[in-house]
Amino acid sequence: MKVHWTPVLNMPFSAIHNVFSHQGFRRIRFKQHSAYRTRFEDASTKKSYCFMIPVQDDDDSNCSVRIADAFFQHSGSVPREVVHAAESILSEVNEYLQDEKEKQDRQKLEETRQNGGMSPNMKEMIRLGKEMAAMKTNKELLEAGQIPDPTQ
């Protein structure tokens, strides 16, 4: 199956597990890694095809998944309709994982800002530095007849 999806997504295990579980996949554990498996039924032949997506367990709380590594665990050919059904599910899983990743990135950025960090990255720090350099000092404000901010 030729599939072009998001490269590798590194996320907390719970997020990946929730997405796959809601899409009908079950987790299977191996020695060094795990995979998510689901079955597709072919209505015309009444055959069942096992479809798997490997997941690399990075540590106790994080893991990574590469949707393009998905495969059918079947020695023969897989009917076109079953392949299309699998690609449709993969597309949904890919979108849900991307959405979850973006949500987590936004949360990390917000946590950084709330934890006393004035800027989350160097670009923002440079912008804030230029902004502060352009600000008038309290002495300059008084000379201009303006009231400076109170001392904090």
N, C-alpha and C. Protein backbone atom coordinates (compact mmCIF):
# COMPACT_ATOMS: atom_id res chain seq x y z
N MET A 1 0.84 -1.17 0.00
CA MET A 1 0.00 0.00 0.00
C MET A 1 0.89 1.23 0.00
N LYS A 2 0.73 2.13 -0.97
CA LYS A 2 1.48 3.38 -1.05
C LYS A 2 0.69 4.46 -0.33
N VAL A 3 1.28 4.98 0.74
CA VAL A 3 0.61 6.02 1.52
C VAL A 3 1.61 7.12 1.82
N HIS A 4 1.19 8.36 1.72
CA HIS A 4 2.04 9.50 2.06
C HIS A 4 1.36 10.27 3.19
N TRP A 5 1.92 10.13 4.37
CA TRP A 5 1.33 10.74 5.55
C TRP A 5 2.35 11.58 6.28
N THR A 6 1.92 12.11 7.42
CA THR A 6 2.81 12.87 8.29
C THR A 6 3.99 11.99 8.64
N PRO A 7 5.21 12.56 8.69
CA PRO A 7 6.37 11.73 9.02
C PRO A 7 6.18 11.02 10.37
N VAL A 8 6.95 11.34 11.35
CA VAL A 8 6.84 10.69 12.65
C VAL A 8 6.24 11.67 13.64
N LEU A 9 5.26 11.20 14.39
CA LEU A 9 4.65 12.02 15.43
C LEU A 9 5.09 11.48 16.78
N ASN A 10 5.73 12.32 17.60
CA ASN A 10 6.12 11.96 18.95
C ASN A 10 5.14 12.63 19.90
N MET A 11 4.42 11.82 20.66
CA MET A 11 3.39 12.35 21.54
C MET A 11 3.28 11.50 22.79
N PRO A 12 2.58 12.00 23.80
CA PRO A 12 2.32 11.16 24.96
C PRO A 12 1.52 9.92 24.55
N PHE A 13 1.83 8.82 25.21
CA PHE A 13 1.15 7.56 24.91
C PHE A 13 -0.36 7.72 25.00
N SER A 14 -0.84 8.41 26.03
CA SER A 14 -2.28 8.53 26.24
C SER A 14 -2.98 9.17 25.05
N ALA A 15 -2.36 10.15 24.42
CA ALA A 15 -2.98 10.81 23.27
C ALA A 15 -3.06 9.87 22.08
N ILE A 16 -1.98 9.16 21.81
CA ILE A 16 -1.97 8.21 20.70
C ILE A 16 -2.97 7.09 20.96
N HIS A 17 -2.96 6.59 22.17
CA HIS A 17 -3.87 5.49 22.53
C HIS A 17 -5.33 5.91 22.37
N ASN A 18 -5.67 7.11 22.81
CA ASN A 18 -7.06 7.58 22.70
C ASN A 18 -7.50 7.68 21.25
N VAL A 19 -6.65 8.22 20.39
CA VAL A 19 -7.00 8.37 18.98
C VAL A 19 -7.24 6.99 18.36
N PHE A 20 -6.29 6.08 18.56
CA PHE A 20 -6.45 4.75 17.96
C PHE A 20 -7.65 4.00 18.53
N SER A 21 -7.84 4.09 19.82
CA SER A 21 -8.97 3.38 20.45
C SER A 21 -10.30 3.88 19.92
N HIS A 22 -10.42 5.19 19.76
CA HIS A 22 -11.67 5.75 19.25
C HIS A 22 -11.91 5.39 17.78
N GLN A 23 -10.87 4.99 17.08
CA GLN A 23 -11.02 4.59 15.68
C GLN A 23 -11.16 3.07 15.53
N GLY A 24 -11.29 2.37 16.64
CA GLY A 24 -11.53 0.93 16.59
C GLY A 24 -10.30 0.05 16.62
N PHE A 25 -9.14 0.61 16.94
CA PHE A 25 -7.91 -0.17 17.01
C PHE A 25 -7.70 -0.68 18.43
N ARG A 26 -7.04 -1.83 18.52
CA ARG A 26 -6.65 -2.39 19.82
C ARG A 26 -5.14 -2.47 19.89
N ARG A 27 -4.61 -2.22 21.08
CA ARG A 27 -3.15 -2.23 21.26
C ARG A 27 -2.67 -3.65 21.47
N ILE A 28 -1.55 -3.97 20.80
CA ILE A 28 -0.87 -5.26 20.96
C ILE A 28 0.55 -4.95 21.38
N ARG A 29 1.04 -5.61 22.41
CA ARG A 29 2.40 -5.37 22.89
C ARG A 29 3.34 -6.47 22.42
N PHE A 30 4.54 -6.03 22.06
CA PHE A 30 5.63 -6.94 21.73
C PHE A 30 6.76 -6.66 22.72
N LYS A 31 7.93 -7.23 22.52
CA LYS A 31 9.03 -7.03 23.48
C LYS A 31 9.49 -5.57 23.54
N GLN A 32 9.86 -5.00 22.43
CA GLN A 32 10.43 -3.65 22.40
C GLN A 32 9.47 -2.59 21.87
N HIS A 33 8.34 -2.98 21.36
CA HIS A 33 7.43 -2.02 20.78
C HIS A 33 6.00 -2.53 20.90
N SER A 34 5.09 -1.75 20.39
CA SER A 34 3.70 -2.17 20.35
C SER A 34 3.12 -1.77 19.00
N ALA A 35 1.89 -2.18 18.77
CA ALA A 35 1.21 -1.85 17.53
C ALA A 35 -0.27 -1.74 17.82
N TYR A 36 -0.96 -1.08 16.92
CA TYR A 36 -2.42 -1.01 17.01
C TYR A 36 -2.98 -1.78 15.83
N ARG A 37 -3.98 -2.60 16.13
CA ARG A 37 -4.52 -3.52 15.13
C ARG A 37 -6.03 -3.36 15.03
N THR A 38 -6.50 -3.50 13.82
CA THR A 38 -7.94 -3.56 13.58
C THR A 38 -8.17 -4.54 12.44
N ARG A 39 -9.39 -4.92 12.24
CA ARG A 39 -9.72 -5.86 11.17
C ARG A 39 -10.70 -5.23 10.19
N PHE A 40 -10.51 -5.57 8.94
CA PHE A 40 -11.42 -5.14 7.89
C PHE A 40 -12.04 -6.39 7.28
N GLU A 41 -13.34 -6.36 7.10
CA GLU A 41 -14.06 -7.49 6.52
C GLU A 41 -14.39 -7.17 5.07
N ASP A 42 -14.16 -8.15 4.20
CA ASP A 42 -14.54 -8.01 2.81
C ASP A 42 -15.92 -8.62 2.65
N ALA A 43 -16.90 -7.81 2.29
CA ALA A 43 -18.29 -8.26 2.22
C ALA A 43 -18.50 -9.34 1.16
N SER A 44 -17.77 -9.27 0.06
CA SER A 44 -18.01 -10.24 -1.01
C SER A 44 -17.38 -11.61 -0.71
N THR A 45 -16.19 -11.64 -0.13
CA THR A 45 -15.52 -12.93 0.14
C THR A 45 -15.70 -13.39 1.58
N LYS A 46 -16.21 -12.51 2.43
CA LYS A 46 -16.38 -12.80 3.87
C LYS A 46 -15.05 -13.07 4.56
N LYS A 47 -13.94 -12.60 3.97
CA LYS A 47 -12.63 -12.76 4.60
C LYS A 47 -12.33 -11.55 5.48
N SER A 48 -11.51 -11.80 6.48
CA SER A 48 -11.09 -10.76 7.41
C SER A 48 -9.61 -10.46 7.17
N TYR A 49 -9.27 -9.17 7.17
CA TYR A 49 -7.89 -8.75 6.94
C TYR A 49 -7.41 -7.92 8.13
N CYS A 50 -6.33 -8.37 8.73
CA CYS A 50 -5.77 -7.71 9.90
C CYS A 50 -4.87 -6.56 9.43
N PHE A 51 -5.11 -5.38 9.98
CA PHE A 51 -4.38 -4.17 9.61
C PHE A 51 -3.67 -3.64 10.84
N MET A 52 -2.36 -3.35 10.73
CA MET A 52 -1.58 -2.94 11.88
C MET A 52 -0.81 -1.66 11.64
N ILE A 53 -0.63 -0.90 12.73
CA ILE A 53 0.19 0.31 12.71
C ILE A 53 1.18 0.19 13.86
N PRO A 54 2.48 0.03 13.56
CA PRO A 54 3.48 -0.08 14.62
C PRO A 54 3.65 1.24 15.37
N VAL A 55 3.93 1.13 16.67
CA VAL A 55 4.16 2.29 17.52
C VAL A 55 5.44 2.02 18.31
N GLN A 56 6.33 3.00 18.34
CA GLN A 56 7.58 2.87 19.09
C GLN A 56 7.40 3.49 20.46
N ASP A 57 7.60 2.70 21.52
CA ASP A 57 7.51 3.20 22.88
C ASP A 57 8.83 3.88 23.21
N ASP A 58 8.83 5.22 23.31
CA ASP A 58 10.06 5.97 23.57
C ASP A 58 10.46 5.88 25.04
N ASP A 59 9.51 6.06 25.92
CA ASP A 59 9.75 5.93 27.36
C ASP A 59 8.42 5.60 28.02
N ASP A 60 8.33 5.77 29.33
CA ASP A 60 7.11 5.40 30.05
C ASP A 60 5.88 6.20 29.65
N SER A 61 6.09 7.44 29.21
CA SER A 61 4.92 8.27 28.92
C SER A 61 4.81 8.72 27.47
N ASN A 62 5.87 8.57 26.67
CA ASN A 62 5.84 9.04 25.29
C ASN A 62 6.05 7.90 24.31
N CYS A 63 5.51 8.09 23.12
CA CYS A 63 5.77 7.12 22.06
C CYS A 63 5.67 7.86 20.73
N SER A 64 6.10 7.18 19.67
CA SER A 64 6.07 7.79 18.35
C SER A 64 5.40 6.83 17.38
N VAL A 65 4.74 7.43 16.41
CA VAL A 65 4.02 6.65 15.41
C VAL A 65 4.29 7.26 14.05
N ARG A 66 4.45 6.38 13.09
CA ARG A 66 4.62 6.80 11.70
C ARG A 66 3.53 6.10 10.89
N ILE A 67 2.52 6.85 10.51
CA ILE A 67 1.35 6.29 9.83
C ILE A 67 1.74 5.54 8.56
N ALA A 68 2.79 6.00 7.88
CA ALA A 68 3.21 5.37 6.63
C ALA A 68 3.70 3.93 6.84
N ASP A 69 3.98 3.54 8.08
CA ASP A 69 4.43 2.17 8.35
C ASP A 69 3.28 1.17 8.50
N ALA A 70 2.06 1.63 8.33
CA ALA A 70 0.90 0.75 8.46
C ALA A 70 0.94 -0.35 7.40
N PHE A 71 0.43 -1.53 7.76
CA PHE A 71 0.47 -2.65 6.81
C PHE A 71 -0.63 -3.66 7.12
N PHE A 72 -0.95 -4.45 6.10
CA PHE A 72 -1.87 -5.56 6.26
C PHE A 72 -1.05 -6.79 6.64
N GLN A 73 -1.49 -7.49 7.65
CA GLN A 73 -0.82 -8.71 8.08
C GLN A 73 -1.49 -9.88 7.34
N HIS A 74 -1.24 -9.92 6.03
CA HIS A 74 -1.89 -10.92 5.18
C HIS A 74 -0.91 -11.32 4.09
N SER A 75 -0.79 -12.60 3.84
CA SER A 75 0.21 -13.07 2.88
C SER A 75 -0.21 -12.88 1.43
N GLY A 76 -1.49 -12.86 1.15
CA GLY A 76 -1.95 -12.72 -0.23
C GLY A 76 -2.32 -11.29 -0.56
N SER A 77 -3.03 -11.15 -1.67
CA SER A 77 -3.46 -9.81 -2.07
C SER A 77 -4.68 -9.40 -1.24
N VAL A 78 -4.81 -8.10 -1.09
CA VAL A 78 -5.91 -7.54 -0.31
C VAL A 78 -6.85 -6.83 -1.30
N PRO A 79 -8.14 -7.10 -1.22
CA PRO A 79 -9.08 -6.47 -2.16
C PRO A 79 -9.00 -4.93 -2.12
N ARG A 80 -9.21 -4.35 -3.28
CA ARG A 80 -9.12 -2.91 -3.43
C ARG A 80 -10.05 -2.16 -2.47
N GLU A 81 -11.25 -2.68 -2.27
CA GLU A 81 -12.21 -2.02 -1.37
C GLU A 81 -11.71 -2.00 0.06
N VAL A 82 -11.04 -3.07 0.48
CA VAL A 82 -10.48 -3.15 1.83
C VAL A 82 -9.33 -2.16 1.98
N VAL A 83 -8.50 -2.06 0.94
CA VAL A 83 -7.39 -1.11 0.96
C VAL A 83 -7.93 0.31 1.06
N HIS A 84 -8.98 0.63 0.31
CA HIS A 84 -9.58 1.97 0.36
C HIS A 84 -10.16 2.26 1.74
N ALA A 85 -10.78 1.27 2.34
CA ALA A 85 -11.32 1.45 3.69
C ALA A 85 -10.19 1.73 4.69
N ALA A 86 -9.09 1.01 4.56
CA ALA A 86 -7.94 1.22 5.44
C ALA A 86 -7.34 2.60 5.24
N GLU A 87 -7.22 3.04 3.99
CA GLU A 87 -6.68 4.36 3.72
C GLU A 87 -7.58 5.45 4.28
N SER A 88 -8.88 5.24 4.23
CA SER A 88 -9.82 6.21 4.79
C SER A 88 -9.64 6.32 6.31
N ILE A 89 -9.52 5.18 6.98
CA ILE A 89 -9.30 5.19 8.43
C ILE A 89 -7.95 5.83 8.75
N LEU A 90 -6.93 5.51 7.97
CA LEU A 90 -5.61 6.10 8.19
C LEU A 90 -5.65 7.62 8.04
N SER A 91 -6.40 8.09 7.07
CA SER A 91 -6.53 9.52 6.87
C SER A 91 -7.14 10.18 8.10
N GLU A 92 -8.19 9.57 8.65
CA GLU A 92 -8.82 10.11 9.85
C GLU A 92 -7.86 10.07 11.03
N VAL A 93 -7.18 8.94 11.22
CA VAL A 93 -6.22 8.82 12.32
C VAL A 93 -5.13 9.87 12.19
N ASN A 94 -4.62 10.06 10.98
CA ASN A 94 -3.58 11.04 10.73
C ASN A 94 -4.04 12.45 11.11
N GLU A 95 -5.26 12.80 10.70
CA GLU A 95 -5.80 14.12 11.02
C GLU A 95 -5.99 14.29 12.52
N TYR A 96 -6.54 13.29 13.19
CA TYR A 96 -6.74 13.37 14.64
C TYR A 96 -5.41 13.50 15.37
N LEU A 97 -4.41 12.74 14.94
CA LEU A 97 -3.10 12.82 15.58
C LEU A 97 -2.46 14.19 15.36
N GLN A 98 -2.57 14.73 14.16
CA GLN A 98 -2.03 16.06 13.88
C GLN A 98 -2.74 17.12 14.73
N ASP A 99 -4.07 17.03 14.82
CA ASP A 99 -4.82 17.97 15.64
C ASP A 99 -4.39 17.89 17.10
N GLU A 100 -4.22 16.66 17.59
CA GLU A 100 -3.80 16.46 18.98
C GLU A 100 -2.40 17.02 19.21
N LYS A 101 -1.51 16.82 18.25
CA LYS A 101 -0.14 17.33 18.35
C LYS A 101 -0.15 18.86 18.41
N GLU A 102 -0.93 19.49 17.53
CA GLU A 102 -1.02 20.95 17.52
C GLU A 102 -1.61 21.46 18.83
N LYS A 103 -2.60 20.77 19.35
CA LYS A 103 -3.22 21.15 20.63
C LYS A 103 -2.19 21.07 21.76
N GLN A 104 -1.40 20.02 21.78
CA GLN A 104 -0.38 19.88 22.82
C GLN A 104 0.72 20.92 22.68
N ASP A 105 1.09 21.24 21.44
CA ASP A 105 2.10 22.28 21.22
C ASP A 105 1.60 23.63 21.73
N ARG A 106 0.31 23.95 21.47
CA ARG A 106 -0.27 25.19 21.97
C ARG A 106 -0.28 25.21 23.50
N GLN A 107 -0.61 24.08 24.12
CA GLN A 107 -0.63 24.00 25.58
C GLN A 107 0.77 24.20 26.16
N LYS A 108 1.78 23.61 25.53
CA LYS A 108 3.16 23.79 26.00
C LYS A 108 3.57 25.26 25.90
N LEU A 109 3.19 25.90 24.80
CA LEU A 109 3.51 27.31 24.61
C LEU A 109 2.83 28.14 25.68
N GLU A 110 1.57 27.86 25.96
CA GLU A 110 0.83 28.60 26.99
C GLU A 110 1.44 28.36 28.37
N GLU A 111 1.84 27.13 28.66
CA GLU A 111 2.47 26.84 29.95
C GLU A 111 3.78 27.60 30.10
N THR A 112 4.54 27.70 29.02
CA THR A 112 5.80 28.44 29.04
C THR A 112 5.53 29.90 29.38
N ARG A 113 4.52 30.45 28.77
CA ARG A 113 4.18 31.86 29.02
C ARG A 113 3.68 32.06 30.45
N GLN A 114 2.91 31.10 30.96
CA GLN A 114 2.36 31.24 32.30
C GLN A 114 3.39 30.97 33.39
N ASN A 115 4.45 30.27 33.07
CA ASN A 115 5.45 29.94 34.06
C ASN A 115 6.53 31.02 34.19
N GLY A 116 6.19 32.25 33.89
CA GLY A 116 7.11 33.35 34.10
C GLY A 116 8.01 33.63 32.91
N GLY A 117 7.95 32.84 31.89
CA GLY A 117 8.77 33.10 30.72
C GLY A 117 8.16 34.23 29.91
N MET A 118 8.96 35.24 29.61
CA MET A 118 8.44 36.35 28.83
C MET A 118 8.29 35.98 27.35
N SER A 119 9.13 35.08 26.90
CA SER A 119 9.07 34.71 25.49
C SER A 119 9.35 33.22 25.33
N PRO A 120 8.60 32.58 24.46
CA PRO A 120 8.77 31.14 24.26
C PRO A 120 9.92 30.76 23.34
N ASN A 121 10.45 31.74 22.56
CA ASN A 121 11.53 31.41 21.64
C ASN A 121 12.40 32.64 21.37
N MET A 122 13.48 32.45 20.67
CA MET A 122 14.45 33.52 20.42
C MET A 122 13.85 34.64 19.58
N LYS A 123 13.05 34.33 18.60
CA LYS A 123 12.44 35.34 17.75
C LYS A 123 11.58 36.29 18.58
N GLU A 124 10.79 35.71 19.47
CA GLU A 124 9.94 36.52 20.34
C GLU A 124 10.79 37.35 21.31
N MET A 125 11.89 36.78 21.78
CA MET A 125 12.77 37.50 22.70
C MET A 125 13.40 38.71 22.02
N ILE A 126 13.82 38.56 20.78
CA ILE A 126 14.40 39.68 20.03
C ILE A 126 13.35 40.77 19.82
N ARG A 127 12.13 40.36 19.48
CA ARG A 127 11.05 41.34 19.28
C ARG A 127 10.77 42.11 20.57
N LEU A 128 10.69 41.38 21.70
CA LEU A 128 10.45 42.05 22.98
C LEU A 128 11.60 42.97 23.36
N GLY A 129 12.84 42.57 23.06
CA GLY A 129 14.00 43.42 23.34
C GLY A 129 13.93 44.73 22.59
N LYS A 130 13.56 44.67 21.31
CA LYS A 130 13.43 45.89 20.50
C LYS A 130 12.30 46.77 21.04
N GLU A 131 11.22 46.13 21.45
CA GLU A 131 10.08 46.86 21.99
C GLU A 131 10.47 47.59 23.29
N MET A 132 11.20 46.90 24.15
CA MET A 132 11.62 47.50 25.42
C MET A 132 12.66 48.60 25.19
N ALA A 133 13.53 48.43 24.20
CA ALA A 133 14.55 49.44 23.91
C ALA A 133 13.91 50.74 23.44
N ALA A 134 12.76 50.63 22.78
CA ALA A 134 12.08 51.81 22.27
C ALA A 134 11.23 52.51 23.33
N MET A 135 11.03 51.88 24.47
CA MET A 135 10.21 52.48 25.53
C MET A 135 10.97 53.62 26.22
N LYS A 136 10.22 54.62 26.64
CA LYS A 136 10.82 55.75 27.35
C LYS A 136 11.06 55.36 28.81
N THR A 137 12.11 55.93 29.38
CA THR A 137 12.40 55.69 30.80
C THR A 137 11.47 56.56 31.64
N ASN A 138 11.41 56.30 32.93
CA ASN A 138 10.58 57.11 33.82
C ASN A 138 11.02 58.58 33.78
N LYS A 139 12.32 58.83 33.72
CA LYS A 139 12.84 60.20 33.67
C LYS A 139 12.36 60.91 32.40
N GLU A 140 12.41 60.20 31.27
CA GLU A 140 11.96 60.77 30.00
C GLU A 140 10.45 61.05 30.03
N LEU A 141 9.69 60.16 30.67
CA LEU A 141 8.24 60.36 30.78
C LEU A 141 7.93 61.60 31.62
N LEU A 142 8.65 61.76 32.74
CA LEU A 142 8.44 62.93 33.61
C LEU A 142 8.78 64.22 32.87
N GLU A 143 9.88 64.21 32.11
CA GLU A 143 10.26 65.39 31.34
C GLU A 143 9.23 65.74 30.28
N ALA A 144 8.54 64.70 29.77
CA ALA A 144 7.53 64.92 28.75
C ALA A 144 6.17 65.26 29.38
N GLY A 145 6.13 65.34 30.72
CA GLY A 145 4.88 65.68 31.39
C GLY A 145 3.93 64.50 31.54
N GLN A 146 4.44 63.29 31.40
CA GLN A 146 3.61 62.11 31.54
C GLN A 146 3.90 61.45 32.88
N ILE A 147 2.97 60.61 33.31
CA ILE A 147 3.12 59.92 34.59
C ILE A 147 3.67 58.52 34.32
N PRO A 148 4.81 58.18 34.95
CA PRO A 148 5.38 56.85 34.73
C PRO A 148 4.60 55.78 35.51
N ASP A 149 4.82 54.54 35.12
CA ASP A 149 4.20 53.42 35.84
C ASP A 149 4.73 53.39 37.26
N PRO A 150 3.88 52.99 38.21
CA PRO A 150 4.36 52.89 39.59
C PRO A 150 5.42 51.80 39.72
N THR A 151 6.30 51.95 40.67
CA THR A 151 7.34 50.96 40.93
C THR A 151 6.70 49.68 41.43
N GLN A 152 7.13 48.58 40.89
CA GLN A 152 6.53 47.29 41.29
C GLN A 152 7.46 46.51 42.15
